[in-house]
Amino acid sequence: IYPSFIELRSNYGLPETPKRKPTPKPEFVSKKNGTTYWNDAIHPQYQAVKEFKYDESKAIELRKLGFGTVLSHSINGVMRGTATVVSLSSSSHTEKILKDQAAAYYGFGKGNSSQVYPTSLMGVIALYRQVNYDAQWYASSNSDRVNYSLEAFNDQRNLPQFFDARDYQSILRVSELGKEFETAFIATGGGDEYKRIEEIKATGIPLIIPMKFPKPYDVSDPLDAEYISLDKMKHWELAPTNLAQISQAEIPFAITSNGDQKAFWKNLKKSMQYGLTKEKALEALTLNPAKFLNLEEDFGSLEKGK
């Protein structure tokens, strides 16, 4: 008997994000109603709990993998608003909401914003920094002007801060942003953290790692094989060792099924063949995610009262 798993990266129960529509002419200002931030990639005022709807079919899929609790959030934009913790049980709708605003989520993609800016990773980072400085000014000014985006961003500072980094280089970028604005982030990786494991350990950032490995390359034709870089071949070889190396480096980490749910157990078992212990795997699916959400008093382990 073991506690059900906790999924930290999912948009379960939320409506699909509309795809970005091409615009006939450049757009520089948000078209949203209300007093919000000028860039559509910035929407910290979004609350996942307000749009959450229980999805029985997807809940069954996650329960079959072992998950019983999900941190659901919008995977859209640079500042994505708050995530909600929900139960995958078949209880009433109100009982499914375990914590309405459990964390703030960020990312390095502009999402479905149709505005021109930002057009690069450098622009995304500049925009994130600008919002932080605008929010600092907003909090300290005596202006009568209201901005719901900046108000929401300031209100969320005391929540767990999750950043969707997706590769080892961006984890290091997240670390620099955390230092600049004195923010303790939890970062979603991409499965390649072994490439700079010591540098990532030095950041002190807890990680969320997807169970996704690259497919084997077809090298039967030597002419085709020449186009496969050594970097890609080494990643195919070493990706299954990633979790073991993170564990051995004593970096706090959680495991997410987001990425390749169909191969979740296959890849998890493969990681254990490459050195990840069963104890660390279970901890990364139960107690660690609960700690990341500051919910370890109620979830993540089998104890009286939980």
C-alpha atoms as a PDB file:
ATOM      1  CA  ILE A   1       0.000   0.000   0.000  1.00  0.00           C
ATOM      2  CA  TYR A   2       1.381   3.404  -0.971  1.00  0.00           C
ATOM      3  CA  PRO A   3       0.027   6.969  -1.243  1.00  0.00           C
ATOM      4  CA  SER A   4      -1.285   7.974  -4.640  1.00  0.00           C
ATOM      5  CA  PHE A   5       1.073   9.978  -6.876  1.00  0.00           C
ATOM      6  CA  ILE A   6       0.918  13.769  -7.239  1.00  0.00           C
ATOM      7  CA  GLU A   7       1.158  15.286 -10.750  1.00  0.00           C
ATOM      8  CA  LEU A   8       2.707  18.778 -10.790  1.00  0.00           C
ATOM      9  CA  ARG A   9       2.625  19.620 -14.499  1.00  0.00           C
ATOM     10  CA  SER A  10      -0.797  19.284 -16.103  1.00  0.00           C
ATOM     11  CA  ASN A  11      -3.685  21.296 -17.524  1.00  0.00           C
ATOM     12  CA  TYR A  12      -6.107  18.549 -16.489  1.00  0.00           C
ATOM     13  CA  GLY A  13      -9.716  19.757 -16.303  1.00  0.00           C
ATOM     14  CA  LEU A  14      -9.008  23.055 -18.050  1.00  0.00           C
ATOM     15  CA  PRO A  15     -10.165  24.077 -21.540  1.00  0.00           C
ATOM     16  CA  GLU A  16      -7.676  23.652 -24.375  1.00  0.00           C
ATOM     17  CA  THR A  17      -5.710  26.814 -25.096  1.00  0.00           C
ATOM     18  CA  PRO A  18      -6.722  28.265 -28.484  1.00  0.00           C
ATOM     19  CA  LYS A  19      -3.913  28.265 -31.015  1.00  0.00           C
ATOM     20  CA  ARG A  20      -2.233  31.528 -31.895  1.00  0.00           C
ATOM     21  CA  LYS A  21      -3.953  33.197 -34.848  1.00  0.00           C
ATOM     22  CA  PRO A  22      -1.909  35.046 -37.481  1.00  0.00           C
ATOM     23  CA  THR A  23      -2.760  38.739 -37.602  1.00  0.00           C
ATOM     24  CA  PRO A  24      -2.871  40.827 -40.801  1.00  0.00           C
ATOM     25  CA  LYS A  25      -0.906  43.638 -39.160  1.00  0.00           C
ATOM     26  CA  PRO A  26       1.422  43.908 -36.152  1.00  0.00           C
ATOM     27  CA  GLU A  27      -0.208  44.175 -32.722  1.00  0.00           C
ATOM     28  CA  PHE A  28       1.591  45.875 -29.866  1.00  0.00           C
ATOM     29  CA  VAL A  29      -1.135  46.425 -27.242  1.00  0.00           C
ATOM     30  CA  SER A  30      -3.450  43.942 -25.570  1.00  0.00           C
ATOM     31  CA  LYS A  31      -7.068  43.793 -26.764  1.00  0.00           C
ATOM     32  CA  LYS A  32      -8.322  42.281 -23.509  1.00  0.00           C
ATOM     33  CA  ASN A  33     -11.091  44.029 -21.650  1.00  0.00           C
ATOM     34  CA  GLY A  34     -10.324  45.486 -18.258  1.00  0.00           C
ATOM     35  CA  THR A  35      -7.282  47.108 -16.716  1.00  0.00           C
ATOM     36  CA  THR A  36      -4.625  44.464 -17.301  1.00  0.00           C
ATOM     37  CA  TYR A  37      -1.038  44.337 -18.492  1.00  0.00           C
ATOM     38  CA  TRP A  38      -0.292  45.610 -21.985  1.00  0.00           C
ATOM     39  CA  ASN A  39       1.174  42.289 -23.190  1.00  0.00           C
ATOM     40  CA  ASP A  40      -1.083  39.250 -23.703  1.00  0.00           C
ATOM     41  CA  ALA A  41       1.651  36.812 -22.664  1.00  0.00           C
ATOM     42  CA  ILE A  42       1.328  38.263 -19.158  1.00  0.00           C
ATOM     43  CA  HIS A  43      -1.823  37.181 -17.322  1.00  0.00           C
ATOM     44  CA  PRO A  44      -1.071  36.463 -13.640  1.00  0.00           C
ATOM     45  CA  GLN A  45      -4.704  37.349 -12.898  1.00  0.00           C
ATOM     46  CA  TYR A  46      -5.782  34.021 -14.433  1.00  0.00           C
ATOM     47  CA  GLN A  47      -7.106  31.499 -11.879  1.00  0.00           C
ATOM     48  CA  ALA A  48      -7.287  27.873 -13.003  1.00  0.00           C
ATOM     49  CA  VAL A  49      -9.852  27.055 -10.313  1.00  0.00           C
ATOM     50  CA  LYS A  50     -12.451  29.258 -12.056  1.00  0.00           C
ATOM     51  CA  GLU A  51     -12.312  27.197 -15.263  1.00  0.00           C
ATOM     52  CA  PHE A  52     -11.741  23.729 -13.809  1.00  0.00           C
ATOM     53  CA  LYS A  53     -14.188  21.010 -14.826  1.00  0.00           C
ATOM     54  CA  TYR A  54     -13.863  17.371 -13.816  1.00  0.00           C
ATOM     55  CA  ASP A  55     -12.971  15.083 -16.739  1.00  0.00           C
ATOM     56  CA  GLU A  56     -13.752  11.459 -15.887  1.00  0.00           C
ATOM     57  CA  SER A  57     -11.996   9.908 -18.911  1.00  0.00           C
ATOM     58  CA  LYS A  58      -8.723  11.759 -18.276  1.00  0.00           C
ATOM     59  CA  ALA A  59      -9.037  11.127 -14.552  1.00  0.00           C
ATOM     60  CA  ILE A  60      -9.222   7.383 -15.235  1.00  0.00           C
ATOM     61  CA  GLU A  61      -6.080   7.569 -17.401  1.00  0.00           C
ATOM     62  CA  LEU A  62      -4.146   9.303 -14.625  1.00  0.00           C
ATOM     63  CA  ARG A  63      -5.509   7.006 -11.899  1.00  0.00           C
ATOM     64  CA  LYS A  64      -4.381   3.966 -13.892  1.00  0.00           C
ATOM     65  CA  LEU A  65      -0.840   5.384 -13.788  1.00  0.00           C
ATOM     66  CA  GLY A  66      -1.119   5.776  -9.999  1.00  0.00           C
ATOM     67  CA  PHE A  67      -1.960   9.481  -9.712  1.00  0.00           C
ATOM     68  CA  GLY A  68      -4.632  10.670  -7.304  1.00  0.00           C
ATOM     69  CA  THR A  69      -3.888  14.394  -7.065  1.00  0.00           C
ATOM     70  CA  VAL A  70      -3.076  16.984  -9.750  1.00  0.00           C
ATOM     71  CA  LEU A  71      -1.738  20.541  -9.755  1.00  0.00           C
ATOM     72  CA  SER A  72      -3.694  21.894 -12.715  1.00  0.00           C
ATOM     73  CA  HIS A  73      -2.636  25.094 -14.467  1.00  0.00           C
ATOM     74  CA  SER A  74      -2.793  26.907 -17.797  1.00  0.00           C
ATOM     75  CA  ILE A  75       0.225  26.001 -19.960  1.00  0.00           C
ATOM     76  CA  ASN A  76       0.054  29.294 -21.820  1.00  0.00           C
ATOM     77  CA  GLY A  77       2.195  32.404 -21.739  1.00  0.00           C
ATOM     78  CA  VAL A  78       5.043  33.841 -19.691  1.00  0.00           C
ATOM     79  CA  MET A  79       3.032  34.557 -16.541  1.00  0.00           C
ATOM     80  CA  ARG A  80       0.267  31.970 -16.344  1.00  0.00           C
ATOM     81  CA  GLY A  81      -1.602  32.810 -13.160  1.00  0.00           C
ATOM     82  CA  THR A  82      -2.418  30.457 -10.323  1.00  0.00           C
ATOM     83  CA  ALA A  83      -2.736  26.686 -10.346  1.00  0.00           C
ATOM     84  CA  THR A  84      -5.256  24.652  -8.366  1.00  0.00           C
ATOM     85  CA  VAL A  85      -4.788  21.310  -6.583  1.00  0.00           C
ATOM     86  CA  VAL A  86      -7.571  18.866  -7.447  1.00  0.00           C
ATOM     87  CA  SER A  87      -8.442  15.286  -6.584  1.00  0.00           C
ATOM     88  CA  LEU A  88      -8.959  12.625  -9.246  1.00  0.00           C
ATOM     89  CA  SER A  89     -11.542  10.817  -7.137  1.00  0.00           C
ATOM     90  CA  SER A  90     -15.150  10.432  -8.266  1.00  0.00           C
ATOM     91  CA  SER A  91     -16.471  12.497  -5.337  1.00  0.00           C
ATOM     92  CA  SER A  92     -18.566  15.659  -5.723  1.00  0.00           C
ATOM     93  CA  HIS A  93     -17.202  18.645  -7.656  1.00  0.00           C
ATOM     94  CA  THR A  94     -16.647  20.763  -4.543  1.00  0.00           C
ATOM     95  CA  GLU A  95     -14.715  17.971  -2.835  1.00  0.00           C
ATOM     96  CA  LYS A  96     -12.379  17.681  -5.839  1.00  0.00           C
ATOM     97  CA  ILE A  97     -10.919  21.160  -5.241  1.00  0.00           C
ATOM     98  CA  LEU A  98      -8.298  20.551  -2.555  1.00  0.00           C
ATOM     99  CA  LYS A  99      -6.663  24.001  -2.721  1.00  0.00           C
ATOM    100  CA  ASP A 100      -8.023  26.698  -5.000  1.00  0.00           C
ATOM    101  CA  GLN A 101      -4.860  28.796  -5.470  1.00  0.00           C
ATOM    102  CA  ALA A 102      -1.925  26.546  -4.695  1.00  0.00           C
ATOM    103  CA  ALA A 103       0.954  27.930  -6.804  1.00  0.00           C
ATOM    104  CA  ALA A 104       1.968  30.545  -9.366  1.00  0.00           C
ATOM    105  CA  TYR A 105       3.231  29.287 -12.741  1.00  0.00           C
ATOM    106  CA  TYR A 106       5.589  30.859 -15.303  1.00  0.00           C
ATOM    107  CA  GLY A 107       7.184  29.835 -18.594  1.00  0.00           C
ATOM    108  CA  PHE A 108       9.551  30.864 -21.382  1.00  0.00           C
ATOM    109  CA  GLY A 109       6.926  30.790 -24.150  1.00  0.00           C
ATOM    110  CA  LYS A 110       4.565  33.582 -25.221  1.00  0.00           C
ATOM    111  CA  GLY A 111       1.722  31.075 -25.662  1.00  0.00           C
ATOM    112  CA  ASN A 112      -1.184  32.062 -27.874  1.00  0.00           C
ATOM    113  CA  SER A 113      -0.545  35.801 -27.681  1.00  0.00           C
ATOM    114  CA  SER A 114      -0.982  37.343 -31.131  1.00  0.00           C
ATOM    115  CA  GLN A 115       1.151  40.364 -30.264  1.00  0.00           C
ATOM    116  CA  VAL A 116       4.485  40.831 -31.989  1.00  0.00           C
ATOM    117  CA  TYR A 117       6.542  41.123 -28.827  1.00  0.00           C
ATOM    118  CA  PRO A 118       8.359  39.076 -27.628  1.00  0.00           C
ATOM    119  CA  THR A 119       9.845  37.292 -30.635  1.00  0.00           C
ATOM    120  CA  SER A 120      12.815  35.609 -28.929  1.00  0.00           C
ATOM    121  CA  LEU A 121      13.922  34.001 -25.685  1.00  0.00           C
ATOM    122  CA  MET A 122      15.861  37.175 -24.886  1.00  0.00           C
ATOM    123  CA  GLY A 123      12.644  39.151 -25.345  1.00  0.00           C
ATOM    124  CA  VAL A 124      10.710  36.789 -23.047  1.00  0.00           C
ATOM    125  CA  ILE A 125      13.305  37.236 -20.299  1.00  0.00           C
ATOM    126  CA  ALA A 126      13.262  41.027 -20.794  1.00  0.00           C
ATOM    127  CA  LEU A 127       9.461  41.014 -20.554  1.00  0.00           C
ATOM    128  CA  TYR A 128       9.509  38.913 -17.372  1.00  0.00           C
ATOM    129  CA  ARG A 129      12.017  41.316 -15.809  1.00  0.00           C
ATOM    130  CA  GLN A 130       9.970  44.355 -16.879  1.00  0.00           C
ATOM    131  CA  VAL A 131       6.834  42.986 -15.187  1.00  0.00           C
ATOM    132  CA  ASN A 132       8.780  42.488 -11.964  1.00  0.00           C
ATOM    133  CA  TYR A 133      10.045  46.080 -11.990  1.00  0.00           C
ATOM    134  CA  ASP A 134       6.601  47.398 -12.933  1.00  0.00           C
ATOM    135  CA  ALA A 135       5.077  45.409 -10.051  1.00  0.00           C
ATOM    136  CA  GLN A 136       7.642  46.821  -7.613  1.00  0.00           C
ATOM    137  CA  TRP A 137       6.790  50.350  -8.733  1.00  0.00           C
ATOM    138  CA  TYR A 138       3.059  49.600  -8.546  1.00  0.00           C
ATOM    139  CA  ALA A 139       3.335  48.311  -4.978  1.00  0.00           C
ATOM    140  CA  SER A 140       5.302  51.341  -3.794  1.00  0.00           C
ATOM    141  CA  SER A 141       3.477  54.090  -5.716  1.00  0.00           C
ATOM    142  CA  ASN A 142       0.571  56.152  -4.433  1.00  0.00           C
ATOM    143  CA  SER A 143      -1.081  56.255  -7.832  1.00  0.00           C
ATOM    144  CA  ASP A 144      -4.857  55.852  -8.137  1.00  0.00           C
ATOM    145  CA  ARG A 145      -4.436  53.821 -11.319  1.00  0.00           C
ATOM    146  CA  VAL A 146      -5.450  50.155 -11.068  1.00  0.00           C
ATOM    147  CA  ASN A 147      -3.801  47.248 -12.883  1.00  0.00           C
ATOM    148  CA  TYR A 148      -5.279  43.839 -12.082  1.00  0.00           C
ATOM    149  CA  SER A 149      -2.327  41.961 -13.586  1.00  0.00           C
ATOM    150  CA  LEU A 150       0.241  43.705 -11.391  1.00  0.00           C
ATOM    151  CA  GLU A 151      -2.001  43.380  -8.334  1.00  0.00           C
ATOM    152  CA  ALA A 152      -2.357  39.639  -8.934  1.00  0.00           C
ATOM    153  CA  PHE A 153       1.375  39.213  -9.493  1.00  0.00           C
ATOM    154  CA  ASN A 154       2.177  40.950  -6.198  1.00  0.00           C
ATOM    155  CA  ASP A 155      -0.470  38.915  -4.341  1.00  0.00           C
ATOM    156  CA  GLN A 156       1.033  35.643  -5.632  1.00  0.00           C
ATOM    157  CA  ARG A 157       4.526  36.255  -4.291  1.00  0.00           C
ATOM    158  CA  ASN A 158       3.840  34.156  -1.182  1.00  0.00           C
ATOM    159  CA  LEU A 159       2.729  31.083  -3.191  1.00  0.00           C
ATOM    160  CA  PRO A 160       5.091  28.311  -4.387  1.00  0.00           C
ATOM    161  CA  GLN A 161       6.678  29.589  -7.608  1.00  0.00           C
ATOM    162  CA  PHE A 162       6.858  27.115 -10.519  1.00  0.00           C
ATOM    163  CA  PHE A 163       8.812  27.875 -13.699  1.00  0.00           C
ATOM    164  CA  ASP A 164       8.402  25.773 -16.847  1.00  0.00           C
ATOM    165  CA  ALA A 165      12.050  25.706 -18.004  1.00  0.00           C
ATOM    166  CA  ARG A 166      12.101  22.466 -20.066  1.00  0.00           C
ATOM    167  CA  ASP A 167      15.898  22.108 -20.489  1.00  0.00           C
ATOM    168  CA  TYR A 168      19.057  22.393 -18.409  1.00  0.00           C
ATOM    169  CA  GLN A 169      20.089  25.733 -19.943  1.00  0.00           C
ATOM    170  CA  SER A 170      16.793  27.367 -19.041  1.00  0.00           C
ATOM    171  CA  ILE A 171      17.019  26.014 -15.488  1.00  0.00           C
ATOM    172  CA  LEU A 172      20.207  28.050 -15.166  1.00  0.00           C
ATOM    173  CA  ARG A 173      18.342  31.056 -16.614  1.00  0.00           C
ATOM    174  CA  VAL A 174      15.596  30.571 -14.021  1.00  0.00           C
ATOM    175  CA  SER A 175      18.270  30.569 -11.333  1.00  0.00           C
ATOM    176  CA  GLU A 176      19.547  33.976 -12.475  1.00  0.00           C
ATOM    177  CA  LEU A 177      16.014  35.416 -12.474  1.00  0.00           C
ATOM    178  CA  GLY A 178      15.468  33.995  -9.000  1.00  0.00           C
ATOM    179  CA  LYS A 179      18.605  35.716  -7.717  1.00  0.00           C
ATOM    180  CA  GLU A 180      17.660  39.036  -9.306  1.00  0.00           C
ATOM    181  CA  PHE A 181      14.164  39.122  -7.806  1.00  0.00           C
ATOM    182  CA  GLU A 182      14.771  37.060  -4.653  1.00  0.00           C
ATOM    183  CA  THR A 183      12.372  34.330  -5.741  1.00  0.00           C
ATOM    184  CA  ALA A 184      12.697  30.652  -4.828  1.00  0.00           C
ATOM    185  CA  PHE A 185      11.624  28.775  -7.954  1.00  0.00           C
ATOM    186  CA  ILE A 186      10.779  25.135  -8.619  1.00  0.00           C
ATOM    187  CA  ALA A 187      11.703  24.347 -12.235  1.00  0.00           C
ATOM    188  CA  THR A 188      10.336  21.864 -14.741  1.00  0.00           C
ATOM    189  CA  GLY A 189      13.258  20.276 -16.583  1.00  0.00           C
ATOM    190  CA  GLY A 190      13.560  18.494 -19.888  1.00  0.00           C
ATOM    191  CA  GLY A 191      15.417  15.297 -19.021  1.00  0.00           C
ATOM    192  CA  ASP A 192      18.891  16.576 -19.938  1.00  0.00           C
ATOM    193  CA  GLU A 193      19.989  17.885 -16.538  1.00  0.00           C
ATOM    194  CA  TYR A 194      22.846  15.347 -16.391  1.00  0.00           C
ATOM    195  CA  LYS A 195      24.735  17.567 -18.876  1.00  0.00           C
ATOM    196  CA  ARG A 196      25.372  20.211 -16.184  1.00  0.00           C
ATOM    197  CA  ILE A 197      24.479  18.390 -12.993  1.00  0.00           C
ATOM    198  CA  GLU A 198      26.956  20.206 -10.716  1.00  0.00           C
ATOM    199  CA  GLU A 199      25.913  23.664 -11.953  1.00  0.00           C
ATOM    200  CA  ILE A 200      22.233  22.787 -11.514  1.00  0.00           C
ATOM    201  CA  LYS A 201      22.866  21.438  -8.013  1.00  0.00           C
ATOM    202  CA  ALA A 202      24.595  24.711  -7.132  1.00  0.00           C
ATOM    203  CA  THR A 203      21.418  26.680  -7.990  1.00  0.00           C
ATOM    204  CA  GLY A 204      19.506  24.958  -5.179  1.00  0.00           C
ATOM    205  CA  ILE A 205      16.402  24.743  -7.391  1.00  0.00           C
ATOM    206  CA  PRO A 206      14.116  21.710  -6.881  1.00  0.00           C
ATOM    207  CA  LEU A 207      13.216  20.007 -10.166  1.00  0.00           C
ATOM    208  CA  ILE A 208      10.205  18.407 -11.858  1.00  0.00           C
ATOM    209  CA  ILE A 209      11.421  15.838 -14.386  1.00  0.00           C
ATOM    210  CA  PRO A 210       9.347  14.309 -17.224  1.00  0.00           C
ATOM    211  CA  MET A 211       9.469  10.581 -17.962  1.00  0.00           C
ATOM    212  CA  LYS A 212      10.337  10.986 -21.634  1.00  0.00           C
ATOM    213  CA  PHE A 213      13.323   9.508 -23.467  1.00  0.00           C
ATOM    214  CA  PRO A 214      14.408  10.005 -27.077  1.00  0.00           C
ATOM    215  CA  LYS A 215      13.487   7.250 -29.526  1.00  0.00           C
ATOM    216  CA  PRO A 216      16.310   5.140 -31.024  1.00  0.00           C
ATOM    217  CA  TYR A 217      17.728   6.532 -34.261  1.00  0.00           C
ATOM    218  CA  ASP A 218      17.743   4.495 -37.444  1.00  0.00           C
ATOM    219  CA  VAL A 219      21.431   4.185 -38.326  1.00  0.00           C
ATOM    220  CA  SER A 220      21.092   1.239 -40.697  1.00  0.00           C
ATOM    221  CA  ASP A 221      22.020   3.475 -43.622  1.00  0.00           C
ATOM    222  CA  PRO A 222      25.511   4.981 -43.092  1.00  0.00           C
ATOM    223  CA  LEU A 223      24.625   7.982 -45.257  1.00  0.00           C
ATOM    224  CA  ASP A 224      21.626   8.817 -43.052  1.00  0.00           C
ATOM    225  CA  ALA A 225      23.655   8.123 -39.914  1.00  0.00           C
ATOM    226  CA  GLU A 226      26.066  10.939 -40.818  1.00  0.00           C
ATOM    227  CA  TYR A 227      23.275  13.474 -40.256  1.00  0.00           C
ATOM    228  CA  ILE A 228      22.713  12.371 -36.643  1.00  0.00           C
ATOM    229  CA  SER A 229      24.945  14.454 -34.381  1.00  0.00           C
ATOM    230  CA  LEU A 230      27.086  12.985 -31.617  1.00  0.00           C
ATOM    231  CA  ASP A 231      25.159  15.163 -29.143  1.00  0.00           C
ATOM    232  CA  LYS A 232      21.869  13.488 -30.125  1.00  0.00           C
ATOM    233  CA  MET A 233      23.391  10.021 -29.932  1.00  0.00           C
ATOM    234  CA  LYS A 234      24.892  10.696 -26.496  1.00  0.00           C
ATOM    235  CA  HIS A 235      21.567  12.066 -25.241  1.00  0.00           C
ATOM    236  CA  TRP A 236      19.785   8.910 -26.433  1.00  0.00           C
ATOM    237  CA  GLU A 237      22.368   6.867 -24.517  1.00  0.00           C
ATOM    238  CA  LEU A 238      22.473   8.934 -21.308  1.00  0.00           C
ATOM    239  CA  ALA A 239      18.886  10.209 -20.897  1.00  0.00           C
ATOM    240  CA  PRO A 240      17.839   7.101 -18.890  1.00  0.00           C
ATOM    241  CA  THR A 241      20.595   7.906 -16.359  1.00  0.00           C
ATOM    242  CA  ASN A 242      19.257  11.421 -15.726  1.00  0.00           C
ATOM    243  CA  LEU A 243      17.090  10.697 -12.681  1.00  0.00           C
ATOM    244  CA  ALA A 244      19.773   8.540 -11.073  1.00  0.00           C
ATOM    245  CA  GLN A 245      22.322  11.344 -11.480  1.00  0.00           C
ATOM    246  CA  ILE A 246      19.892  13.925 -10.056  1.00  0.00           C
ATOM    247  CA  SER A 247      19.185  11.629  -7.107  1.00  0.00           C
ATOM    248  CA  GLN A 248      22.874  10.927  -6.473  1.00  0.00           C
ATOM    249  CA  ALA A 249      23.562  14.686  -6.553  1.00  0.00           C
ATOM    250  CA  GLU A 250      20.929  15.010  -3.777  1.00  0.00           C
ATOM    251  CA  ILE A 251      18.834  17.511  -5.754  1.00  0.00           C
ATOM    252  CA  PRO A 252      15.192  17.509  -4.572  1.00  0.00           C
ATOM    253  CA  PHE A 253      13.037  16.351  -7.486  1.00  0.00           C
ATOM    254  CA  ALA A 254       9.560  15.232  -8.462  1.00  0.00           C
ATOM    255  CA  ILE A 255       8.495  13.134 -11.448  1.00  0.00           C
ATOM    256  CA  THR A 256       5.801  14.149 -13.926  1.00  0.00           C
ATOM    257  CA  SER A 257       3.965  11.939 -16.411  1.00  0.00           C
ATOM    258  CA  ASN A 258       3.615  14.919 -18.746  1.00  0.00           C
ATOM    259  CA  GLY A 259       5.612  14.229 -21.883  1.00  0.00           C
ATOM    260  CA  ASP A 260       4.942  10.571 -22.645  1.00  0.00           C
ATOM    261  CA  GLN A 261       2.153   9.102 -20.518  1.00  0.00           C
ATOM    262  CA  LYS A 262       1.919   5.907 -22.575  1.00  0.00           C
ATOM    263  CA  ALA A 263       5.547   5.061 -21.799  1.00  0.00           C
ATOM    264  CA  PHE A 264       5.475   6.389 -18.225  1.00  0.00           C
ATOM    265  CA  TRP A 265       5.966   3.083 -16.377  1.00  0.00           C
ATOM    266  CA  LYS A 266       8.279   1.683 -19.028  1.00  0.00           C
ATOM    267  CA  ASN A 267      10.566   4.720 -18.768  1.00  0.00           C
ATOM    268  CA  LEU A 268      10.357   4.829 -14.966  1.00  0.00           C
ATOM    269  CA  LYS A 269      11.456   1.196 -14.743  1.00  0.00           C
ATOM    270  CA  LYS A 270      14.232   1.913 -17.214  1.00  0.00           C
ATOM    271  CA  SER A 271      15.436   4.759 -14.991  1.00  0.00           C
ATOM    272  CA  MET A 272      15.583   2.296 -12.092  1.00  0.00           C
ATOM    273  CA  GLN A 273      17.623  -0.095 -14.232  1.00  0.00           C
ATOM    274  CA  TYR A 274      20.082   2.779 -14.696  1.00  0.00           C
ATOM    275  CA  GLY A 275      20.486   3.484 -10.973  1.00  0.00           C
ATOM    276  CA  LEU A 276      17.369   5.233  -9.629  1.00  0.00           C
ATOM    277  CA  THR A 277      16.282   3.454  -6.444  1.00  0.00           C
ATOM    278  CA  LYS A 278      12.666   2.444  -5.846  1.00  0.00           C
ATOM    279  CA  GLU A 279      12.630   4.484  -2.651  1.00  0.00           C
ATOM    280  CA  LYS A 280      13.712   7.684  -4.434  1.00  0.00           C
ATOM    281  CA  ALA A 281      11.265   7.044  -7.277  1.00  0.00           C
ATOM    282  CA  LEU A 282       8.358   6.685  -4.841  1.00  0.00           C
ATOM    283  CA  GLU A 283       9.454   9.757  -2.897  1.00  0.00           C
ATOM    284  CA  ALA A 284       9.615  11.774  -6.133  1.00  0.00           C
ATOM    285  CA  LEU A 285       6.021  10.817  -6.955  1.00  0.00           C
ATOM    286  CA  THR A 286       4.487  11.322  -3.516  1.00  0.00           C
ATOM    287  CA  LEU A 287       6.180  13.176  -0.646  1.00  0.00           C
ATOM    288  CA  ASN A 288       8.401  15.546  -2.668  1.00  0.00           C
ATOM    289  CA  PRO A 289       5.537  16.976  -4.770  1.00  0.00           C
ATOM    290  CA  ALA A 290       3.553  17.486  -1.556  1.00  0.00           C
ATOM    291  CA  LYS A 291       6.510  19.363  -0.045  1.00  0.00           C
ATOM    292  CA  PHE A 292       6.867  21.530  -3.157  1.00  0.00           C
ATOM    293  CA  LEU A 293       3.229  22.593  -2.630  1.00  0.00           C
ATOM    294  CA  ASN A 294       3.601  22.958   1.159  1.00  0.00           C
ATOM    295  CA  LEU A 295       0.939  20.264   1.554  1.00  0.00           C
ATOM    296  CA  GLU A 296       3.058  17.537   3.172  1.00  0.00           C
ATOM    297  CA  GLU A 297       0.944  17.732   6.354  1.00  0.00           C
ATOM    298  CA  ASP A 298      -2.023  16.344   4.403  1.00  0.00           C
ATOM    299  CA  PHE A 299      -0.643  14.495   1.370  1.00  0.00           C
ATOM    300  CA  GLY A 300       2.293  12.492   0.120  1.00  0.00           C
ATOM    301  CA  SER A 301       2.716   9.763   2.720  1.00  0.00           C
ATOM    302  CA  LEU A 302       0.738   7.233   4.735  1.00  0.00           C
ATOM    303  CA  GLU A 303       0.290   8.617   8.219  1.00  0.00           C
ATOM    304  CA  LYS A 304      -2.574   8.915  10.665  1.00  0.00           C
ATOM    305  CA  GLY A 305      -4.873  11.806   9.740  1.00  0.00           C
ATOM    306  CA  LYS A 306      -3.764  12.155   6.120  1.00  0.00           C
END
